[in-house]
Amino acid sequence: MEFSSKLLENAVNEMSQLPGVGKRTALRLVLHLLRQPTTQTLDFANALSTMRTEIKFCKSCHNISDTDMCEICANPNRIEDVVCVVEDIRDVMAIENTSSFKGLYHVLGGKISPMDGIGPNELNIQSLVEKVKQGVVKELIFALGSTMEGDTTNFYIYKQIQDYDVKTSTIARGISVGNELEYTDEVTLGRSIINRIPFEASLKS
């Protein structure tokens, strides 16, 4: 692809690094931004820059937040001793959209995947184990996708906390095996949270 401007080429190359965006799509997006009023394009660029430099991670659950404590953890109406374990913020958003869960979350930041070089130490697992050790959690709900990596992560965490007085459950398998939570419809996901089953039972299925 030949460019008449090095500035345009650089912008297209950067845009094409986004997931699912090839060079042609990147060119179309960049040209669209170029046609917009200058202030609108600068506002767009500034929003991305501000997000990248100022966004925080909740010191309690590791959710993305504007402050040290996210709105969910800071909400006094949430059930503090029931914690839903998820992979990332997209899963938090998906579950929150169901309005079926009133507890707190713990965002792992991924799943154990030896093939990808991701082990337990690369995830927010230890801070979750510490919460259990301190006795502040009465129930952990494993809400990772029904994949091999998700099941491996669930089982690893379960082994770390099985000697402590905490109930463990997992979302009901109304979600197809291999599916990610963010792609599941709200009704199915909401029912899977409400109809969760003891984690030990899931090991036998």
Protein backbone atom coordinates (compact mmCIF):
# COMPACT_ATOMS: atom_id res chain seq x y z
CA MET A 1 0.00 0.00 0.00
CA GLU A 2 1.57 3.26 -1.19
CA PHE A 3 1.04 6.48 0.78
CA SER A 4 1.41 10.04 -0.39
CA SER A 5 2.14 11.16 3.17
CA LYS A 6 4.46 9.69 5.77
CA LEU A 7 2.24 11.17 8.50
CA LEU A 8 -0.75 9.35 7.03
CA GLU A 9 1.22 6.11 6.78
CA ASN A 10 2.31 6.34 10.42
CA ALA A 11 -1.27 6.93 11.56
CA VAL A 12 -2.51 3.95 9.51
CA ASN A 13 0.24 1.70 10.89
CA GLU A 14 -0.69 2.62 14.46
CA MET A 15 -4.43 2.17 13.85
CA SER A 16 -3.86 -1.24 12.21
CA GLN A 17 -2.39 -2.55 15.49
CA LEU A 18 -5.91 -2.63 16.97
CA PRO A 19 -7.52 -6.11 17.14
CA GLY A 20 -9.42 -6.98 13.98
CA VAL A 21 -8.28 -3.87 12.10
CA GLY A 22 -6.35 -4.47 8.90
CA LYS A 23 -4.50 -1.87 6.83
CA ARG A 24 -7.49 -1.07 4.59
CA THR A 25 -9.85 -0.62 7.54
CA ALA A 26 -7.21 1.44 9.32
CA LEU A 27 -6.87 3.68 6.26
CA ARG A 28 -10.64 4.18 6.12
CA LEU A 29 -10.76 5.11 9.83
CA VAL A 30 -7.81 7.50 9.58
CA LEU A 31 -9.28 9.23 6.53
CA HIS A 32 -12.58 9.55 8.40
CA LEU A 33 -10.80 11.25 11.30
CA LEU A 34 -8.98 13.50 8.83
CA ARG A 35 -12.31 14.66 7.39
CA GLN A 36 -13.74 15.53 10.82
CA PRO A 37 -13.40 19.01 12.35
CA THR A 38 -9.95 19.42 13.90
CA THR A 39 -11.37 19.88 17.41
CA GLN A 40 -13.30 16.60 17.18
CA THR A 41 -10.24 14.63 16.10
CA LEU A 42 -8.12 16.24 18.82
CA ASP A 43 -10.80 15.46 21.42
CA PHE A 44 -10.69 11.82 20.28
CA ALA A 45 -6.89 11.68 20.55
CA ASN A 46 -6.96 13.45 23.92
CA ALA A 47 -9.53 11.00 25.30
CA LEU A 48 -7.26 8.07 24.42
CA SER A 49 -4.18 9.79 25.83
CA THR A 50 -5.94 10.73 29.08
CA MET A 51 -7.33 7.21 29.48
CA ARG A 52 -3.90 5.67 29.03
CA THR A 53 -2.09 7.95 31.46
CA GLU A 54 -4.71 8.49 34.16
CA ILE A 55 -6.75 5.29 34.39
CA LYS A 56 -6.32 3.27 37.60
CA PHE A 57 -6.95 -0.26 38.80
CA CYS A 58 -9.10 -0.73 41.89
CA LYS A 59 -6.87 -1.54 44.86
CA SER A 60 -9.45 -4.05 46.09
CA CYS A 61 -10.74 -5.94 43.05
CA HIS A 62 -8.36 -4.84 40.24
CA ASN A 63 -11.23 -3.55 38.13
CA ILE A 64 -10.50 -0.58 35.85
CA SER A 65 -11.43 2.63 37.63
CA ASP A 66 -11.01 6.41 37.68
CA THR A 67 -10.19 6.31 41.40
CA ASP A 68 -8.25 4.07 43.79
CA MET A 69 -11.49 2.27 44.72
CA CYS A 70 -13.94 1.42 41.93
CA GLU A 71 -17.61 2.39 42.18
CA ILE A 72 -18.69 -1.22 42.78
CA CYS A 73 -16.34 -1.81 45.73
CA ALA A 74 -17.20 1.61 47.16
CA ASN A 75 -20.95 0.97 46.99
CA PRO A 76 -22.23 0.26 50.55
CA ASN A 77 -25.24 -1.59 49.14
CA ARG A 78 -23.15 -4.40 47.64
CA ILE A 79 -22.82 -7.75 49.45
CA GLU A 80 -19.19 -7.61 50.60
CA ASP A 81 -18.64 -11.26 51.49
CA VAL A 82 -19.74 -12.74 48.14
CA VAL A 83 -17.04 -12.35 45.47
CA CYS A 84 -17.38 -13.22 41.80
CA VAL A 85 -14.08 -14.18 40.17
CA VAL A 86 -13.80 -13.05 36.54
CA GLU A 87 -11.14 -12.80 33.87
CA ASP A 88 -11.33 -9.10 32.98
CA ILE A 89 -13.44 -5.94 32.96
CA ARG A 90 -15.54 -7.15 30.02
CA ASP A 91 -16.89 -9.93 32.23
CA VAL A 92 -17.69 -7.46 35.02
CA MET A 93 -19.64 -5.36 32.51
CA ALA A 94 -21.48 -8.40 31.15
CA ILE A 95 -22.56 -9.61 34.60
CA GLU A 96 -23.49 -6.10 35.77
CA ASN A 97 -25.77 -5.76 32.71
CA THR A 98 -27.82 -8.72 33.99
CA SER A 99 -28.65 -6.93 37.29
CA SER A 100 -28.59 -10.42 38.86
CA PHE A 101 -25.50 -10.10 41.03
CA LYS A 102 -25.17 -7.78 44.04
CA GLY A 103 -21.83 -8.92 45.45
CA LEU A 104 -18.30 -7.79 44.65
CA TYR A 105 -15.83 -8.88 41.98
CA HIS A 106 -12.22 -9.95 41.73
CA VAL A 107 -10.61 -9.41 38.31
CA LEU A 108 -7.80 -11.86 37.63
CA GLY A 109 -6.49 -10.10 34.54
CA GLY A 110 -6.44 -13.29 32.47
CA LYS A 111 -6.45 -17.08 32.77
CA ILE A 112 -3.70 -19.59 33.40
CA SER A 113 -2.38 -20.62 29.99
CA PRO A 114 1.03 -22.34 29.89
CA MET A 115 0.94 -22.31 26.08
CA ASP A 116 0.88 -18.51 26.20
CA GLY A 117 3.40 -18.28 29.03
CA ILE A 118 0.76 -17.15 31.55
CA GLY A 119 1.14 -18.73 34.97
CA PRO A 120 -0.49 -18.02 38.35
CA ASN A 121 2.11 -15.40 39.21
CA GLU A 122 1.10 -13.30 36.20
CA LEU A 123 -2.49 -13.05 37.47
CA ASN A 124 -4.18 -11.38 40.45
CA ILE A 125 -4.57 -14.66 42.30
CA GLN A 126 -2.52 -14.10 45.43
CA SER A 127 -4.53 -11.04 46.49
CA LEU A 128 -7.70 -13.15 46.15
CA VAL A 129 -6.22 -15.90 48.32
CA GLU A 130 -5.30 -13.26 50.92
CA LYS A 131 -8.92 -12.06 51.05
CA VAL A 132 -10.03 -15.63 51.77
CA LYS A 133 -7.33 -16.09 54.42
CA GLN A 134 -8.48 -12.92 56.18
CA GLY A 135 -12.02 -14.32 56.44
CA VAL A 136 -13.70 -11.44 54.61
CA VAL A 137 -15.14 -13.75 51.93
CA LYS A 138 -17.94 -16.25 52.60
CA GLU A 139 -18.49 -17.35 49.01
CA LEU A 140 -16.36 -17.34 45.87
CA ILE A 141 -18.21 -17.64 42.58
CA PHE A 142 -16.02 -18.83 39.73
CA ALA A 143 -17.27 -17.06 36.60
CA LEU A 144 -14.57 -17.79 34.07
CA GLY A 145 -15.43 -19.01 30.59
CA SER A 146 -16.03 -22.73 30.07
CA THR A 147 -12.66 -23.31 28.41
CA MET A 148 -9.72 -25.51 29.35
CA GLU A 149 -7.83 -22.43 30.55
CA GLY A 150 -10.84 -21.25 32.57
CA ASP A 151 -11.30 -24.64 34.22
CA THR A 152 -7.59 -24.87 34.97
CA THR A 153 -7.63 -21.45 36.64
CA ASN A 154 -10.74 -22.29 38.66
CA PHE A 155 -9.17 -25.51 39.91
CA TYR A 156 -5.86 -23.83 40.80
CA ILE A 157 -7.62 -21.19 42.91
CA TYR A 158 -9.84 -23.84 44.50
CA LYS A 159 -6.76 -25.82 45.60
CA GLN A 160 -5.26 -22.67 47.13
CA ILE A 161 -8.29 -21.92 49.32
CA GLN A 162 -9.90 -25.32 49.95
CA ASP A 163 -8.60 -25.49 53.53
CA TYR A 164 -10.33 -22.26 54.50
CA ASP A 165 -13.91 -21.71 55.59
CA VAL A 166 -15.28 -20.39 52.29
CA LYS A 167 -18.03 -21.66 50.04
CA THR A 168 -17.06 -22.12 46.39
CA SER A 169 -19.50 -22.22 43.53
CA THR A 170 -19.41 -21.89 39.76
CA ILE A 171 -21.88 -20.43 37.29
CA ALA A 172 -24.35 -22.95 35.89
CA ARG A 173 -23.44 -24.49 32.56
CA GLY A 174 -26.25 -22.78 30.66
CA ILE A 175 -23.34 -21.21 28.83
CA SER A 176 -21.97 -23.34 26.00
CA VAL A 177 -18.62 -24.96 26.64
CA GLY A 178 -15.87 -22.91 25.03
CA ASN A 179 -17.83 -19.65 25.11
CA GLU A 180 -16.60 -16.44 26.71
CA LEU A 181 -18.89 -14.57 29.12
CA GLU A 182 -18.88 -11.32 27.16
CA TYR A 183 -20.60 -13.02 24.19
CA THR A 184 -23.35 -14.64 26.26
CA ASP A 185 -26.80 -13.06 26.24
CA GLU A 186 -27.85 -11.29 29.43
CA VAL A 187 -30.75 -13.61 30.29
CA THR A 188 -28.62 -16.78 30.05
CA LEU A 189 -25.76 -15.19 31.96
CA GLY A 190 -28.08 -13.85 34.66
CA ARG A 191 -29.67 -17.27 35.15
CA SER A 192 -26.26 -18.95 35.31
CA ILE A 193 -25.28 -16.63 38.18
CA ILE A 194 -28.53 -17.19 40.09
CA ASN A 195 -28.48 -20.97 39.51
CA ARG A 196 -24.80 -21.41 40.37
CA ILE A 197 -23.72 -24.80 41.67
CA PRO A 198 -21.11 -25.91 44.25
CA PHE A 199 -17.68 -25.98 42.62
CA GLU A 200 -17.03 -29.51 43.88
CA ALA A 201 -20.05 -30.71 41.88
CA SER A 202 -18.60 -29.22 38.69
CA LEU A 203 -15.46 -31.32 39.14
CA LYS A 204 -17.52 -34.48 38.86
CA SER A 205 -19.40 -33.46 35.71
